[in-house]
N, C-alpha and C. Protein backbone atom coordinates (compact mmCIF):
# COMPACT_ATOMS: atom_id res chain seq x y z
N MET A 1 92.80 170.85 87.23
CA MET A 1 92.81 169.45 86.88
C MET A 1 93.30 169.28 85.46
N LYS A 2 94.07 168.29 85.25
CA LYS A 2 94.62 168.03 83.93
C LYS A 2 93.78 166.96 83.21
N LYS A 3 93.38 167.30 81.97
CA LYS A 3 92.67 166.31 81.16
C LYS A 3 93.65 165.25 80.73
N THR A 4 93.15 164.08 80.44
CA THR A 4 94.04 162.99 80.06
C THR A 4 93.41 162.14 78.98
N THR A 5 94.26 161.55 78.17
CA THR A 5 93.77 160.50 77.27
C THR A 5 93.71 159.24 78.11
N LYS A 6 92.83 158.36 77.78
CA LYS A 6 92.63 157.19 78.64
C LYS A 6 92.39 155.95 77.82
N SER A 7 92.47 154.84 78.51
CA SER A 7 92.13 153.59 77.85
C SER A 7 90.64 153.62 77.49
N LYS A 8 90.24 152.76 76.59
CA LYS A 8 88.88 152.79 76.06
C LYS A 8 87.79 152.78 77.14
N SER A 9 87.93 151.93 78.12
CA SER A 9 86.88 151.84 79.13
C SER A 9 87.51 151.72 80.51
N ASP A 10 87.18 152.64 81.36
CA ASP A 10 87.65 152.58 82.73
C ASP A 10 86.57 153.17 83.64
N TRP A 11 86.92 153.44 84.87
CA TRP A 11 85.94 153.92 85.84
C TRP A 11 85.31 155.24 85.39
N ARG A 12 86.06 156.08 84.68
CA ARG A 12 85.52 157.36 84.24
C ARG A 12 84.42 157.15 83.20
N ASP A 13 84.64 156.22 82.28
CA ASP A 13 83.60 155.91 81.29
C ASP A 13 82.36 155.36 81.97
N GLU A 14 82.56 154.48 82.93
CA GLU A 14 81.42 153.90 83.67
C GLU A 14 80.67 154.98 84.44
N THR A 15 81.41 155.89 85.06
CA THR A 15 80.79 156.97 85.82
C THR A 15 79.98 157.87 84.90
N LEU A 16 80.57 158.25 83.77
CA LEU A 16 79.88 159.11 82.82
C LEU A 16 78.65 158.41 82.23
N ALA A 17 78.74 157.11 81.99
CA ALA A 17 77.59 156.36 81.48
C ALA A 17 76.46 156.37 82.50
N ASN A 18 76.79 156.23 83.77
CA ASN A 18 75.78 156.28 84.82
C ASN A 18 75.15 157.67 84.89
N ILE A 19 75.97 158.71 84.77
CA ILE A 19 75.46 160.08 84.80
C ILE A 19 74.50 160.31 83.63
N ARG A 20 74.88 159.83 82.44
CA ARG A 20 74.00 159.95 81.27
C ARG A 20 72.63 159.33 81.56
N LYS A 21 72.66 158.15 82.16
CA LYS A 21 71.42 157.44 82.48
C LYS A 21 70.58 158.24 83.48
N LEU A 22 71.22 158.76 84.51
CA LEU A 22 70.49 159.53 85.53
C LEU A 22 69.89 160.80 84.96
N ILE A 23 70.64 161.48 84.09
CA ILE A 23 70.13 162.71 83.49
C ILE A 23 68.90 162.40 82.63
N LYS A 24 68.98 161.33 81.85
CA LYS A 24 67.85 160.94 80.99
C LYS A 24 66.64 160.54 81.83
N GLN A 25 66.87 159.87 82.96
CA GLN A 25 65.76 159.52 83.85
C GLN A 25 65.13 160.77 84.45
N ALA A 26 65.95 161.74 84.81
CA ALA A 26 65.44 162.97 85.42
C ALA A 26 64.71 163.83 84.41
N ASP A 27 65.18 163.82 83.16
CA ASP A 27 64.60 164.66 82.12
C ASP A 27 64.59 163.90 80.79
N PRO A 28 63.51 163.18 80.50
CA PRO A 28 63.45 162.40 79.27
C PRO A 28 63.60 163.25 77.99
N ASP A 29 63.35 164.56 78.08
CA ASP A 29 63.44 165.44 76.91
C ASP A 29 64.84 166.04 76.72
N VAL A 30 65.77 165.68 77.57
CA VAL A 30 67.11 166.25 77.49
C VAL A 30 67.77 165.92 76.16
N VAL A 31 68.58 166.85 75.68
CA VAL A 31 69.36 166.66 74.46
C VAL A 31 70.83 166.71 74.86
N VAL A 32 71.62 165.79 74.32
CA VAL A 32 73.06 165.81 74.58
C VAL A 32 73.79 166.06 73.26
N GLU A 33 74.71 167.00 73.29
CA GLU A 33 75.54 167.30 72.13
C GLU A 33 77.00 167.17 72.55
N MET A 34 77.82 166.74 71.62
CA MET A 34 79.26 166.68 71.86
C MET A 34 79.87 167.96 71.31
N LYS A 35 80.47 168.75 72.19
CA LYS A 35 81.04 170.04 71.80
C LYS A 35 82.52 170.11 72.18
N TRP A 36 83.16 171.12 71.65
CA TRP A 36 84.54 171.45 72.00
C TRP A 36 85.53 170.31 71.73
N LYS A 37 85.48 169.78 70.52
CA LYS A 37 86.42 168.73 70.13
C LYS A 37 87.80 169.32 69.92
N LYS A 38 88.81 168.69 70.51
CA LYS A 38 90.20 169.11 70.35
C LYS A 38 91.09 167.92 70.69
N ALA A 39 92.39 168.11 70.64
CA ALA A 39 93.32 166.99 70.86
C ALA A 39 93.08 166.29 72.19
N ALA A 40 92.86 167.05 73.24
CA ALA A 40 92.66 166.44 74.56
C ALA A 40 91.31 165.74 74.69
N THR A 41 90.34 166.18 73.88
CA THR A 41 89.00 165.58 73.90
C THR A 41 88.54 165.36 72.46
N PRO A 42 89.11 164.35 71.78
CA PRO A 42 88.78 164.15 70.37
C PRO A 42 87.31 163.83 70.10
N ASP A 43 86.63 163.25 71.07
CA ASP A 43 85.20 162.96 70.91
C ASP A 43 84.34 164.16 71.31
N GLY A 44 84.95 165.14 71.96
CA GLY A 44 84.22 166.29 72.45
C GLY A 44 83.76 166.10 73.89
N VAL A 45 83.07 167.09 74.38
CA VAL A 45 82.56 167.10 75.75
C VAL A 45 81.04 167.04 75.69
N PRO A 46 80.41 166.11 76.41
CA PRO A 46 78.95 166.08 76.39
C PRO A 46 78.37 167.30 77.11
N VAL A 47 77.40 167.93 76.44
CA VAL A 47 76.69 169.07 77.00
C VAL A 47 75.20 168.72 76.94
N TRP A 48 74.57 168.67 78.12
CA TRP A 48 73.15 168.34 78.20
C TRP A 48 72.35 169.63 78.25
N SER A 49 71.24 169.66 77.48
CA SER A 49 70.41 170.86 77.40
C SER A 49 68.93 170.51 77.38
N ASP A 50 68.14 171.43 77.88
CA ASP A 50 66.68 171.40 77.75
C ASP A 50 66.22 172.83 77.99
N ASN A 51 65.80 173.51 76.93
CA ASN A 51 65.46 174.93 77.00
C ASN A 51 66.65 175.77 77.46
N GLY A 52 67.83 175.32 77.17
CA GLY A 52 69.08 175.98 77.56
C GLY A 52 70.02 174.94 78.14
N PRO A 53 71.29 175.31 78.28
CA PRO A 53 72.26 174.34 78.78
C PRO A 53 72.02 173.99 80.25
N ILE A 54 72.26 172.72 80.58
CA ILE A 54 72.13 172.23 81.96
C ILE A 54 73.51 172.02 82.56
N CYS A 55 74.27 171.08 81.95
CA CYS A 55 75.59 170.76 82.49
C CYS A 55 76.47 170.11 81.45
N THR A 56 77.75 170.04 81.77
CA THR A 56 78.72 169.33 80.94
C THR A 56 79.29 168.18 81.76
N GLY A 57 79.90 167.23 81.06
CA GLY A 57 80.56 166.11 81.73
C GLY A 57 81.95 165.93 81.15
N GLU A 58 82.98 166.25 81.91
CA GLU A 58 84.35 166.15 81.44
C GLU A 58 85.12 165.11 82.23
N THR A 59 86.00 164.39 81.55
CA THR A 59 86.83 163.41 82.23
C THR A 59 88.25 163.93 82.35
N TYR A 60 88.79 163.77 83.53
CA TYR A 60 90.16 164.14 83.85
C TYR A 60 90.87 162.91 84.38
N LYS A 61 92.15 163.03 84.61
CA LYS A 61 92.92 161.88 85.07
C LYS A 61 92.35 161.29 86.36
N ASN A 62 91.99 162.14 87.30
CA ASN A 62 91.55 161.66 88.61
C ASN A 62 90.08 161.96 88.93
N ALA A 63 89.33 162.46 87.95
CA ALA A 63 87.95 162.83 88.27
C ALA A 63 87.09 162.91 87.01
N VAL A 64 85.79 162.82 87.25
CA VAL A 64 84.78 163.18 86.27
C VAL A 64 84.15 164.45 86.83
N LYS A 65 84.16 165.53 86.04
CA LYS A 65 83.64 166.82 86.49
C LYS A 65 82.34 167.12 85.77
N LEU A 66 81.29 167.35 86.56
CA LEU A 66 79.98 167.73 86.05
C LEU A 66 79.76 169.19 86.40
N THR A 67 79.80 170.05 85.39
CA THR A 67 79.68 171.48 85.63
C THR A 67 78.29 171.96 85.22
N PHE A 68 77.58 172.54 86.17
CA PHE A 68 76.24 173.07 85.94
C PHE A 68 76.36 174.55 85.61
N PHE A 69 75.84 174.94 84.44
CA PHE A 69 75.97 176.31 83.97
C PHE A 69 75.37 177.32 84.94
N LYS A 70 74.22 177.00 85.53
CA LYS A 70 73.53 177.91 86.45
C LYS A 70 73.52 177.32 87.86
N GLY A 71 74.59 176.61 88.21
CA GLY A 71 74.65 175.90 89.48
C GLY A 71 74.48 176.79 90.71
N ALA A 72 74.94 178.04 90.64
CA ALA A 72 74.82 178.94 91.79
C ALA A 72 73.37 179.26 92.10
N GLN A 73 72.48 179.06 91.13
CA GLN A 73 71.05 179.34 91.35
C GLN A 73 70.30 178.12 91.90
N LEU A 74 70.95 176.97 91.93
CA LEU A 74 70.27 175.73 92.31
C LEU A 74 70.36 175.48 93.81
N GLU A 75 69.27 174.98 94.35
CA GLU A 75 69.29 174.52 95.74
C GLU A 75 70.06 173.20 95.77
N ASP A 76 70.94 173.06 96.72
CA ASP A 76 71.76 171.84 96.83
C ASP A 76 71.78 171.36 98.28
N PRO A 77 70.61 170.94 98.79
CA PRO A 77 70.54 170.55 100.21
C PRO A 77 71.42 169.35 100.57
N LYS A 78 71.72 168.50 99.60
CA LYS A 78 72.56 167.33 99.88
C LYS A 78 74.04 167.62 99.65
N ARG A 79 74.36 168.87 99.29
CA ARG A 79 75.73 169.32 99.10
C ARG A 79 76.51 168.46 98.09
N LEU A 80 75.90 168.25 96.94
CA LEU A 80 76.59 167.52 95.87
C LEU A 80 77.68 168.36 95.25
N PHE A 81 77.45 169.68 95.15
CA PHE A 81 78.47 170.55 94.57
C PHE A 81 79.68 170.59 95.49
N ASN A 82 80.85 170.26 94.93
CA ASN A 82 82.08 170.23 95.72
C ASN A 82 83.24 170.90 94.99
N SER A 83 82.93 171.63 93.91
CA SER A 83 83.97 172.27 93.12
C SER A 83 83.39 173.52 92.46
N SER A 84 84.26 174.48 92.14
CA SER A 84 83.85 175.74 91.50
C SER A 84 82.78 176.44 92.34
N LEU A 85 82.98 176.46 93.64
CA LEU A 85 81.98 177.00 94.55
C LEU A 85 82.03 178.52 94.69
N GLU A 86 83.11 179.13 94.21
CA GLU A 86 83.29 180.56 94.43
C GLU A 86 82.71 181.44 93.34
N GLY A 87 82.31 180.87 92.22
CA GLY A 87 81.80 181.66 91.11
C GLY A 87 80.38 182.15 91.31
N ASN A 88 79.99 183.09 90.45
CA ASN A 88 78.64 183.66 90.53
C ASN A 88 77.62 182.87 89.73
N ALA A 89 78.07 181.97 88.88
CA ALA A 89 77.14 181.25 88.01
C ALA A 89 77.29 179.74 88.14
N ARG A 90 78.46 179.23 87.81
CA ARG A 90 78.65 177.78 87.73
C ARG A 90 78.92 177.14 89.10
N ARG A 91 78.57 175.85 89.14
CA ARG A 91 78.95 174.99 90.26
C ARG A 91 79.26 173.63 89.64
N ALA A 92 80.12 172.86 90.29
CA ALA A 92 80.51 171.57 89.73
C ALA A 92 80.50 170.47 90.78
N ILE A 93 80.39 169.26 90.29
CA ILE A 93 80.51 168.06 91.11
C ILE A 93 81.69 167.28 90.56
N ASP A 94 82.70 167.07 91.37
CA ASP A 94 83.84 166.23 90.99
C ASP A 94 83.64 164.86 91.59
N LEU A 95 83.63 163.85 90.74
CA LEU A 95 83.50 162.46 91.17
C LEU A 95 84.84 161.77 90.95
N HIS A 96 85.32 161.12 91.99
CA HIS A 96 86.59 160.40 91.92
C HIS A 96 86.32 158.89 91.93
N GLU A 97 87.30 158.13 91.56
CA GLU A 97 87.14 156.69 91.50
C GLU A 97 86.60 156.16 92.82
N GLY A 98 85.54 155.38 92.75
CA GLY A 98 84.92 154.80 93.94
C GLY A 98 83.83 155.66 94.56
N ASP A 99 83.69 156.92 94.11
CA ASP A 99 82.64 157.79 94.66
C ASP A 99 81.27 157.30 94.21
N GLU A 100 80.32 157.45 95.10
CA GLU A 100 78.91 157.17 94.79
C GLU A 100 78.20 158.51 94.78
N ILE A 101 77.28 158.70 93.85
CA ILE A 101 76.50 159.94 93.83
C ILE A 101 75.11 159.64 94.36
N ASP A 102 74.56 160.58 95.13
CA ASP A 102 73.18 160.47 95.62
C ASP A 102 72.29 160.67 94.40
N GLU A 103 71.76 159.57 93.88
CA GLU A 103 71.03 159.62 92.62
C GLU A 103 69.78 160.49 92.71
N ALA A 104 69.05 160.40 93.79
CA ALA A 104 67.82 161.21 93.93
C ALA A 104 68.18 162.70 93.99
N ALA A 105 69.20 163.05 94.73
CA ALA A 105 69.62 164.45 94.83
C ALA A 105 70.15 164.97 93.50
N PHE A 106 70.88 164.13 92.76
CA PHE A 106 71.40 164.53 91.46
C PHE A 106 70.25 164.78 90.48
N LYS A 107 69.28 163.88 90.45
CA LYS A 107 68.14 164.06 89.57
C LYS A 107 67.37 165.33 89.93
N ALA A 108 67.27 165.63 91.22
CA ALA A 108 66.59 166.86 91.64
C ALA A 108 67.33 168.09 91.11
N LEU A 109 68.67 168.06 91.12
CA LEU A 109 69.44 169.17 90.55
C LEU A 109 69.15 169.33 89.06
N ILE A 110 69.10 168.23 88.34
CA ILE A 110 68.80 168.27 86.90
C ILE A 110 67.43 168.89 86.67
N ARG A 111 66.44 168.41 87.40
CA ARG A 111 65.07 168.93 87.23
C ARG A 111 64.99 170.42 87.56
N GLU A 112 65.68 170.83 88.61
CA GLU A 112 65.66 172.24 88.99
C GLU A 112 66.36 173.09 87.93
N ALA A 113 67.46 172.59 87.36
CA ALA A 113 68.16 173.32 86.30
C ALA A 113 67.24 173.52 85.09
N VAL A 114 66.48 172.49 84.74
CA VAL A 114 65.54 172.59 83.63
C VAL A 114 64.46 173.62 83.96
N LYS A 115 63.98 173.60 85.19
CA LYS A 115 62.95 174.54 85.61
C LYS A 115 63.46 175.98 85.49
N ILE A 116 64.70 176.22 85.88
CA ILE A 116 65.30 177.56 85.76
C ILE A 116 65.42 177.94 84.29
N ASN A 117 65.86 177.01 83.44
CA ASN A 117 65.95 177.30 82.00
C ASN A 117 64.59 177.64 81.42
N THR A 118 63.56 176.94 81.85
CA THR A 118 62.22 177.13 81.33
C THR A 118 61.63 178.47 81.77
N SER A 119 61.97 178.91 82.97
CA SER A 119 61.42 180.15 83.50
C SER A 119 62.19 181.38 83.05
N SER A 120 63.36 181.19 82.44
CA SER A 120 64.18 182.34 82.02
C SER A 120 63.62 182.98 80.77
């Protein structure tokens, strides 16, 4: 996927804002840091953590990608993970314009990721 510069506010910003809200609801103690600032991402990439990294949120031309650092260890009964499925560690959720995310299932993934970080 190719990263892109974008207009100030579009569906990707709205999607990422919703994701931020859901993560905070799932884990009120979560910390978000902006990392990896460069020309393609001058503001950086949000990285959510609680006792270790949980996930990142990147915007691309046609998708918002949520990459879970320990996604391969997470139970995903609702099959939210739809990208980076072949790796031994990470798993990702690609959201495209108009996609709806199962909010309860997403929050469960966040909580489980925190639980794994806490038990490590």
